[in-house]
Amino acid sequence: MPATALTAHALLLDMDGTLVNSDAVVERCWRRWALRHGLDPEEALKVVHGRQGYATMAVLLPDRPMEQNHADNRVMLAEETADTDGVVPIGGAPAFMDSIAALPHALVTSADLALATARMNAAGLRMPEHRVTAESVGASKPDPEGFLKGAAALGFAPADCVVFEDSEAGIAAGRAAGMRVVGVGPRAGAHAPDVHVADLTQLRVEAAADGTITLHFDAR
């Protein structure tokens, strides 16, 4: 694919799979949970990415009361926050975060603040000043609430924002918010983002004096 460019005025960044590779801990925790509930771990792992834990549990155990999902999710969040073994930055993430430090951007993640902080620290990445975490929303991705709140916090219309996402749920949330989506990593390619890159090394950020951000992609 030839090099591609998108323009925006603000960037909204998912965390897991987009900035931080946390697959190792996610798989450990969710395999344990699936086995405890008599589920096939491989099938469970197909739906865990991008959603808040309670929403994943509702998909996997549709007849279970939602209050049980929320209770289990609190336990899951504590387990994931305590386990940062194998958490590393996505390729190119440190340089990317440095390049946008002075530009309008926000983290929009299904993690709560404690988990997001633990994983960003473990990966050696700067935590954005603006962030929308699990505590900030009433609905999990693929609902667009998180991205719409991120855009509002930065003071930009949805059409002026570009979302960075790795998962089906996250890409759907970005589209539902009326935003363009950059898909990052192997999961993203199957869900028709506007641009797909293997990692953040395939991206260069250019900022103009009028506030326009141009994202140049070498989408190899």
Protein backbone atom coordinates (compact mmCIF):
# COMPACT_ATOMS: atom_id res chain seq x y z
CA MET A 1 0.00 0.00 0.00
CA PRO A 2 1.39 3.48 -0.80
CA ALA A 3 2.02 6.07 1.87
CA THR A 4 -1.19 7.64 3.16
CA ALA A 5 -1.96 10.86 5.05
CA LEU A 6 -4.79 12.00 7.31
CA THR A 7 -5.34 15.45 8.75
CA ALA A 8 -6.88 16.23 12.12
CA HIS A 9 -6.92 18.75 14.95
CA ALA A 10 -6.91 16.21 17.82
CA LEU A 11 -5.89 12.61 18.41
CA LEU A 12 -7.73 10.07 20.59
CA LEU A 13 -5.63 7.11 21.65
CA ASP A 14 -6.65 3.70 22.85
CA MET A 15 -4.08 2.07 25.16
CA ASP A 16 -4.00 -1.74 25.11
CA GLY A 17 -2.85 -3.03 21.74
CA THR A 18 -2.39 0.53 20.45
CA LEU A 19 0.24 2.11 22.71
CA VAL A 20 0.93 -0.78 25.09
CA ASN A 21 1.31 -4.48 24.34
CA SER A 22 -0.42 -6.08 27.31
CA ASP A 23 -1.52 -9.26 25.54
CA ALA A 24 0.50 -11.51 27.85
CA VAL A 25 -1.22 -10.38 31.05
CA VAL A 26 -4.64 -10.07 29.40
CA GLU A 27 -4.41 -13.65 28.20
CA ARG A 28 -3.20 -14.92 31.59
CA CYS A 29 -6.02 -13.27 33.50
CA TRP A 30 -8.79 -14.08 31.06
CA ARG A 31 -7.71 -17.70 30.62
CA ARG A 32 -8.00 -18.16 34.38
CA TRP A 33 -11.39 -16.49 34.43
CA ALA A 34 -12.70 -18.57 31.50
CA LEU A 35 -11.57 -21.84 33.08
CA ARG A 36 -13.20 -20.91 36.40
CA HIS A 37 -16.49 -20.48 34.54
CA GLY A 38 -16.25 -23.59 32.37
CA LEU A 39 -15.57 -21.67 29.16
CA ASP A 40 -13.13 -22.36 26.35
CA PRO A 41 -10.27 -19.90 26.93
CA GLU A 42 -9.51 -19.64 23.21
CA GLU A 43 -13.08 -18.66 22.44
CA ALA A 44 -13.09 -16.17 25.32
CA LEU A 45 -9.94 -14.48 24.06
CA LYS A 46 -11.65 -13.74 20.75
CA VAL A 47 -13.95 -11.19 22.40
CA VAL A 48 -11.98 -9.71 25.31
CA HIS A 49 -10.07 -7.00 23.45
CA GLY A 50 -11.37 -3.45 23.44
CA ARG A 51 -14.26 -3.82 25.87
CA GLN A 52 -14.51 -3.21 29.57
CA GLY A 53 -14.36 -6.50 31.46
CA TYR A 54 -18.00 -6.50 32.56
CA ALA A 55 -19.10 -6.09 28.93
CA THR A 56 -16.92 -9.01 27.84
CA MET A 57 -18.40 -11.14 30.63
CA ALA A 58 -21.90 -10.21 29.48
CA VAL A 59 -21.07 -11.48 25.97
CA LEU A 60 -19.58 -14.72 27.28
CA LEU A 61 -22.21 -15.38 29.98
CA PRO A 62 -25.34 -13.69 28.59
CA ASP A 63 -27.71 -15.14 31.20
CA ARG A 64 -25.71 -14.02 34.22
CA PRO A 65 -26.91 -11.02 36.25
CA MET A 66 -25.00 -7.86 35.36
CA GLU A 67 -24.18 -7.14 38.99
CA GLN A 68 -22.14 -10.35 39.03
CA ASN A 69 -20.25 -9.17 35.95
CA HIS A 70 -19.45 -5.87 37.62
CA ALA A 71 -18.28 -7.67 40.77
CA ASP A 72 -16.09 -10.03 38.77
CA ASN A 73 -14.74 -7.10 36.79
CA ARG A 74 -13.54 -5.39 39.96
CA VAL A 75 -11.57 -8.52 40.82
CA MET A 76 -10.23 -8.76 37.27
CA LEU A 77 -9.08 -5.13 37.29
CA ALA A 78 -7.19 -5.68 40.55
CA GLU A 79 -5.51 -8.80 39.13
CA GLU A 80 -4.52 -7.04 35.91
CA THR A 81 -3.23 -3.96 37.73
CA ALA A 82 -0.97 -6.10 39.92
CA ASP A 83 0.42 -8.07 36.97
CA THR A 84 2.64 -6.07 34.61
CA ASP A 85 4.96 -8.91 33.62
CA GLY A 86 5.48 -8.72 29.87
CA VAL A 87 3.85 -5.30 29.44
CA VAL A 88 5.90 -3.42 26.83
CA PRO A 89 5.35 -0.49 24.46
CA ILE A 90 3.99 -1.10 20.97
CA GLY A 91 6.70 -0.53 18.38
CA GLY A 92 7.21 3.20 17.83
CA ALA A 93 5.00 4.24 20.77
CA PRO A 94 7.67 6.13 22.77
CA ALA A 95 8.68 8.27 19.79
CA PHE A 96 5.05 8.77 18.78
CA MET A 97 4.09 9.97 22.27
CA ASP A 98 7.05 12.35 22.26
CA SER A 99 6.01 13.72 18.86
CA ILE A 100 2.48 14.62 20.02
CA ALA A 101 3.37 15.95 23.49
CA ALA A 102 2.48 19.53 22.55
CA LEU A 103 -0.54 18.60 20.40
CA PRO A 104 -4.18 18.06 21.45
CA HIS A 105 -4.55 14.39 22.40
CA ALA A 106 -6.29 12.21 24.95
CA LEU A 107 -6.17 8.62 26.13
CA VAL A 108 -9.51 6.80 25.72
CA THR A 109 -9.24 3.38 27.31
CA SER A 110 -11.47 0.64 28.69
CA ALA A 111 -9.04 0.31 31.61
CA ASP A 112 -9.69 2.15 34.85
CA LEU A 113 -7.22 4.82 35.94
CA ALA A 114 -5.23 2.50 38.20
CA LEU A 115 -4.77 -0.09 35.46
CA ALA A 116 -4.01 2.52 32.81
CA THR A 117 -1.39 4.12 35.05
CA ALA A 118 0.21 0.77 35.87
CA ARG A 119 0.47 -0.25 32.22
CA MET A 120 1.65 3.10 30.88
CA ASN A 121 4.32 3.18 33.60
CA ALA A 122 5.35 -0.42 32.93
CA ALA A 123 5.74 0.41 29.23
CA GLY A 124 7.70 3.58 30.02
CA LEU A 125 5.14 5.83 28.33
CA ARG A 126 3.96 9.27 29.35
CA MET A 127 0.39 9.42 30.64
CA PRO A 128 -1.58 12.05 28.68
CA GLU A 129 -2.97 14.96 30.65
CA HIS A 130 -6.42 14.29 29.22
CA ARG A 131 -7.82 10.78 29.58
CA VAL A 132 -11.14 9.02 29.51
CA THR A 133 -10.95 5.84 31.59
CA ALA A 134 -13.53 3.27 32.66
CA GLU A 135 -14.69 5.44 35.56
CA SER A 136 -15.54 8.26 33.14
CA VAL A 137 -18.16 6.48 31.05
CA GLY A 138 -21.43 4.67 31.50
CA ALA A 139 -21.05 2.43 28.47
CA SER A 140 -18.15 0.34 27.18
CA LYS A 141 -16.78 0.36 23.65
CA PRO A 142 -18.21 -0.28 21.02
CA ASP A 143 -20.40 2.53 22.39
CA PRO A 144 -18.92 5.86 21.20
CA GLU A 145 -19.31 7.61 24.59
CA GLY A 146 -15.62 7.47 25.49
CA PHE A 147 -14.41 8.97 22.23
CA LEU A 148 -17.10 11.65 22.26
CA LYS A 149 -16.07 12.61 25.80
CA GLY A 150 -12.43 12.70 24.73
CA ALA A 151 -13.23 15.05 21.86
CA ALA A 152 -15.32 17.28 24.13
CA ALA A 153 -12.54 17.44 26.74
CA LEU A 154 -10.14 18.65 24.07
CA GLY A 155 -12.67 21.09 22.65
CA PHE A 156 -12.96 19.63 19.14
CA ALA A 157 -15.80 18.29 17.02
CA PRO A 158 -15.76 14.54 16.34
CA ALA A 159 -15.01 15.12 12.64
CA ASP A 160 -11.79 16.91 13.64
CA CYS A 161 -10.50 13.90 15.58
CA VAL A 162 -8.60 10.80 14.53
CA VAL A 163 -8.84 7.67 16.67
CA PHE A 164 -6.02 5.15 17.12
CA GLU A 165 -7.39 1.66 17.88
CA ASP A 166 -6.50 -2.02 17.66
CA SER A 167 -9.76 -3.89 18.33
CA GLU A 168 -13.07 -4.51 16.61
CA ALA A 169 -14.98 -2.90 19.50
CA GLY A 170 -12.71 0.14 19.52
CA ILE A 171 -12.83 0.66 15.77
CA ALA A 172 -16.63 0.39 15.86
CA ALA A 173 -16.73 2.95 18.69
CA GLY A 174 -14.59 5.40 16.73
CA ARG A 175 -16.75 5.05 13.65
CA ALA A 176 -19.95 5.44 15.70
CA ALA A 177 -18.49 8.67 17.10
CA GLY A 178 -18.12 10.02 13.56
CA MET A 179 -14.33 9.90 13.61
CA ARG A 180 -11.71 8.50 11.28
CA VAL A 181 -9.79 5.53 12.60
CA VAL A 182 -6.18 4.42 12.37
CA GLY A 183 -6.01 0.68 13.00
CA VAL A 184 -2.85 -0.47 14.78
CA GLY A 185 -1.58 -4.04 14.84
CA PRO A 186 -2.76 -7.44 13.62
CA ARG A 187 -6.28 -7.37 15.09
CA ALA A 188 -7.21 -4.10 13.42
CA GLY A 189 -6.78 -5.01 9.78
CA ALA A 190 -9.91 -7.15 9.55
CA HIS A 191 -12.20 -4.31 10.62
CA ALA A 192 -11.69 -1.77 7.82
CA PRO A 193 -10.06 1.18 9.57
CA ASP A 194 -9.35 4.20 7.40
CA VAL A 195 -5.64 3.39 7.60
CA HIS A 196 -4.00 0.24 8.93
CA VAL A 197 -0.42 0.03 10.20
CA ALA A 198 1.51 -2.82 11.78
CA ASP A 199 2.76 -0.52 14.55
CA LEU A 200 3.56 3.12 15.23
CA THR A 201 6.91 3.05 13.49
CA GLN A 202 4.94 3.43 10.24
CA LEU A 203 3.77 6.90 11.19
CA ARG A 204 5.17 10.45 11.15
CA VAL A 205 3.41 13.41 12.76
CA GLU A 206 3.58 16.90 11.26
CA ALA A 207 2.06 19.91 13.01
CA ALA A 208 1.23 23.13 11.13
CA ALA A 209 1.07 26.63 12.56
CA ASP A 210 -2.73 26.72 12.10
CA GLY A 211 -3.18 23.72 14.40
CA THR A 212 -3.63 21.14 11.67
CA ILE A 213 -2.03 17.79 12.45
CA THR A 214 -0.99 15.74 9.44
CA LEU A 215 -0.39 12.04 9.99
CA HIS A 216 1.88 10.56 7.35
CA PHE A 217 1.69 6.75 7.07
CA ASP A 218 4.04 4.31 5.46
CA ALA A 219 1.42 1.56 5.49
CA ARG A 220 3.68 -1.20 4.25
